[in-house]
Protein backbone atom coordinates (compact mmCIF):
# COMPACT_ATOMS: atom_id res chain seq x y z
CA MET A 1 -4.62 5.04 -6.69
CA THR A 2 -8.21 3.92 -7.00
CA GLY A 3 -10.32 2.21 -4.41
CA TRP A 4 -9.96 -1.02 -6.42
CA HIS A 5 -6.20 -0.77 -6.31
CA LEU A 6 -6.39 -0.18 -2.50
CA LYS A 7 -8.38 -3.36 -2.21
CA LEU A 8 -5.89 -5.27 -4.20
CA TRP A 9 -3.09 -3.92 -2.06
CA ARG A 10 -4.96 -4.92 1.12
CA LYS A 11 -5.49 -8.48 -0.19
CA SER A 12 -1.85 -8.73 -1.23
CA MET A 13 -0.93 -7.94 2.40
CA LEU A 14 -3.36 -10.68 3.51
CA TRP A 15 -5.20 -8.18 5.68
CA THR A 16 -8.87 -7.80 6.57
CA ARG A 17 -10.56 -4.43 6.15
CA GLU A 18 -10.37 -4.10 9.92
CA ARG A 19 -6.60 -4.61 9.91
CA ALA A 20 -6.08 -2.21 7.04
CA ALA A 21 -8.19 0.47 8.82
CA THR A 22 -6.16 0.05 11.97
CA GLU A 23 -2.82 0.20 10.21
CA LEU A 24 -3.89 3.33 8.30
CA GLY A 25 -5.27 4.89 11.51
CA VAL A 26 -8.85 5.34 10.29
CA SER A 27 -12.21 3.96 11.21
CA LEU A 28 -13.55 0.85 9.41
CA ARG A 29 -16.25 3.01 7.95
CA THR A 30 -13.72 5.43 6.54
CA TYR A 31 -11.54 2.59 5.17
CA LYS A 32 -14.58 1.06 3.40
CA SER A 33 -15.26 4.47 1.77
CA TYR A 34 -11.71 4.46 0.55
CA GLU A 35 -12.14 1.08 -1.17
CA ASN A 36 -15.31 2.33 -2.84
CA ALA A 37 -13.82 5.55 -4.03
CA GLU A 38 -12.89 6.37 -7.64
CA GLU A 39 -9.69 7.94 -6.36
CA VAL A 40 -8.17 7.75 -2.91
CA LYS A 41 -6.22 10.55 -1.29
CA ARG A 42 -2.52 10.74 -2.08
CA ALA A 43 -1.69 10.43 1.64
CA VAL A 44 -3.42 7.04 1.66
CA GLY A 45 -1.40 5.87 -1.37
CA LEU A 46 1.81 7.04 0.31
CA ALA A 47 0.80 5.21 3.52
CA THR A 48 0.31 2.00 1.55
CA VAL A 49 3.83 2.32 0.10
CA THR A 50 5.19 2.86 3.59
CA LEU A 51 3.33 -0.10 5.05
CA SER A 52 4.43 -2.29 2.17
CA LEU A 53 8.09 -1.29 2.68
CA ILE A 54 7.88 -2.02 6.40
CA SER A 55 6.52 -5.47 5.64
CA MET A 56 9.47 -6.07 3.28
CA ILE A 57 12.25 -5.16 5.79
CA PRO A 58 12.89 -8.73 6.99
CA SER A 59 13.43 -9.93 3.39
CA LEU A 60 15.67 -6.99 2.62
CA LYS A 61 17.78 -7.60 5.68
CA SER A 62 18.28 -11.21 4.85
CA GLU A 63 19.14 -10.26 1.23
CA GLN A 64 16.37 -12.41 -0.18
CA VAL A 65 15.69 -9.68 -2.70
CA SER A 66 18.25 -8.63 -5.26
CA ARG A 67 19.10 -4.94 -5.73
CA GLU A 68 17.61 -4.93 -9.22
CA ARG A 69 14.35 -6.52 -7.97
CA LEU A 70 14.19 -3.98 -5.12
CA VAL A 71 14.51 -1.05 -7.53
CA GLN A 72 11.79 -2.58 -9.74
CA LEU A 73 9.49 -3.12 -6.71
CA LEU A 74 10.00 0.47 -5.48
CA GLY A 75 9.21 1.80 -8.94
CA GLU A 76 6.03 -0.15 -9.14
CA MET A 77 4.98 0.70 -5.65
CA THR A 78 5.46 4.46 -6.10
CA GLU A 79 4.25 4.82 -9.69
CA SER A 80 0.65 5.71 -8.80
CA VAL A 81 1.59 8.20 -6.06
CA ARG A 82 4.32 9.94 -8.04
CA THR A 83 1.90 10.98 -10.80
CA GLU A 84 -0.80 12.37 -8.54
CA GLY A 85 -1.43 15.88 -7.23
């Protein structure tokens, strides 16, 4: 995951940099450095997947997402972290 991808993820969550930093448990300064990085740590990528899944739980519980779509989303979300390190 690149810093640019991290920024896209944050915007897709409709979060500010401050909120993203808080959710990831890092300072705002550290988070900003992640967004400017060529490559972010694998742990950060995994954390974004986890936070995304947590945000999807209500939709999954109400069956608003089909099984096929869920499998597709999980594949897309984990693609960048599966191939690293």
